[in-house]
Protein backbone atom coordinates (compact mmCIF):
# COMPACT_ATOMS: atom_id res chain seq x y z
CA MET A 1 86.68 -51.26 8.18
CA PRO A 2 84.23 -53.41 6.19
CA ARG A 3 80.63 -53.47 7.28
CA VAL A 4 78.45 -56.58 7.60
CA GLY A 5 76.17 -55.35 4.82
CA ASP A 6 79.14 -55.07 2.47
CA SER A 7 80.23 -58.66 3.05
CA ILE A 8 76.66 -59.95 2.62
CA SER A 9 76.34 -57.97 -0.60
CA CYS A 10 79.66 -59.30 -1.90
CA GLY A 11 78.62 -62.87 -1.09
CA THR A 12 75.27 -62.55 -2.83
CA HIS A 13 76.94 -61.08 -5.93
CA SER A 14 79.21 -64.14 -6.05
CA ILE A 15 76.14 -66.40 -5.87
CA LEU A 16 74.55 -64.36 -8.65
CA ASP A 17 77.61 -64.78 -10.90
CA VAL A 18 77.79 -68.53 -10.30
CA CYS A 19 74.07 -68.96 -11.01
CA THR A 20 74.21 -66.89 -14.19
CA ASP A 21 77.26 -68.76 -15.51
CA PHE A 22 75.67 -72.12 -14.70
CA TRP A 23 72.34 -71.37 -16.37
CA TYR A 24 73.94 -69.72 -19.39
CA GLY A 25 76.15 -72.75 -20.01
CA GLU A 26 73.34 -75.23 -19.51
CA ILE A 27 70.95 -73.37 -21.80
CA LYS A 28 73.60 -73.08 -24.52
CA LYS A 29 74.26 -76.83 -24.22
CA TYR A 30 70.56 -77.56 -24.52
CA MET A 31 70.12 -75.28 -27.53
CA SER A 32 73.15 -76.65 -29.34
CA ALA A 33 72.15 -80.29 -28.65
CA ARG A 34 68.66 -79.59 -29.92
CA ARG A 35 70.04 -78.24 -33.21
CA GLY A 36 72.83 -80.82 -33.44
CA VAL A 37 75.65 -78.25 -33.50
CA THR A 38 78.35 -77.16 -31.07
CA ALA A 39 77.80 -74.23 -28.72
CA LEU A 40 80.22 -72.17 -30.84
CA GLU A 41 77.93 -72.57 -33.87
CA LEU A 42 74.90 -70.94 -32.27
CA THR A 43 73.61 -67.81 -33.95
CA SER A 44 73.56 -64.36 -32.38
CA PRO A 45 69.79 -64.50 -31.65
CA GLU A 46 70.33 -67.88 -29.96
CA TYR A 47 73.08 -66.40 -27.76
CA LEU A 48 70.73 -63.53 -26.92
CA ALA A 49 67.91 -65.95 -26.06
CA ALA A 50 70.28 -68.06 -23.93
CA SER A 51 71.50 -65.03 -21.99
CA GLY A 52 67.96 -63.76 -21.46
CA ALA A 53 66.76 -67.16 -20.25
CA ALA A 54 69.81 -67.42 -17.97
CA GLY A 55 68.96 -64.01 -16.48
CA ILE A 56 65.38 -65.06 -15.82
CA ALA A 57 66.45 -68.37 -14.25
CA THR A 58 69.01 -66.58 -12.07
CA ALA A 59 66.42 -64.05 -10.89
CA ILE A 60 64.01 -66.83 -9.96
CA CYS A 61 66.71 -68.74 -8.05
CA THR A 62 68.30 -65.80 -6.23
CA ASN A 63 65.29 -63.60 -5.47
CA PRO A 64 64.47 -65.39 -2.19
CA ILE A 65 68.05 -64.75 -1.01
CA TRP A 66 67.74 -61.02 -1.76
CA VAL A 67 64.39 -60.82 0.06
CA VAL A 68 65.78 -62.47 3.20
CA LYS A 69 68.97 -60.35 3.06
CA THR A 70 66.96 -57.14 2.77
CA ARG A 71 64.66 -58.11 5.61
CA MET A 72 67.68 -58.99 7.79
CA LEU A 73 69.25 -55.59 7.16
CA ILE A 74 66.13 -53.45 7.70
CA THR A 75 64.74 -55.10 10.83
CA ASP A 76 66.13 -54.96 14.31
CA ARG A 77 67.42 -58.28 15.61
CA SER A 78 65.14 -58.10 18.63
CA SER A 79 62.01 -57.43 16.53
CA VAL A 80 59.29 -60.06 16.44
CA GLY A 81 59.61 -62.17 13.30
CA SER A 82 63.09 -60.90 12.40
CA TYR A 83 65.43 -63.22 10.51
CA ARG A 84 68.68 -64.11 12.23
CA GLY A 85 70.32 -65.77 9.22
CA LEU A 86 69.78 -66.89 5.64
CA ILE A 87 69.45 -70.64 6.15
CA GLY A 88 66.49 -70.69 8.56
CA PRO A 89 64.02 -68.58 6.55
CA LEU A 90 64.96 -70.14 3.21
CA CYS A 91 64.69 -73.71 4.48
CA SER A 92 61.48 -73.12 6.45
CA LYS A 93 59.75 -71.59 3.42
CA LEU A 94 60.93 -74.46 1.22
CA LEU A 95 59.80 -77.10 3.71
CA LEU A 96 56.37 -75.47 4.06
CA LYS A 97 55.94 -75.47 0.27
CA VAL A 98 57.01 -79.09 -0.03
CA ARG A 99 54.78 -80.17 2.84
CA TRP A 100 51.63 -78.47 1.58
CA ASN A 101 51.96 -79.07 -2.17
């Protein structure tokens, strides 16, 4: 029988794949447009740079999700300050940043 942690982990891996594919494609498009060539004409170092940049962008975008997921799994639901879902903590942190910056 699948556990809740397994389904959360599977879902976050899907998000990770989508983010990586998105950033990798966008960075390759940017690099090829900047040089005036197609994405297939990029050099090996350019592909390496695009994949590295995509990995960094994905880590920045998905790290808050991993932090909330980990906190949800290690704290008891009845604990003070525990997260009950992903949306609440992510949105509240984002709104606080937007409000104060």
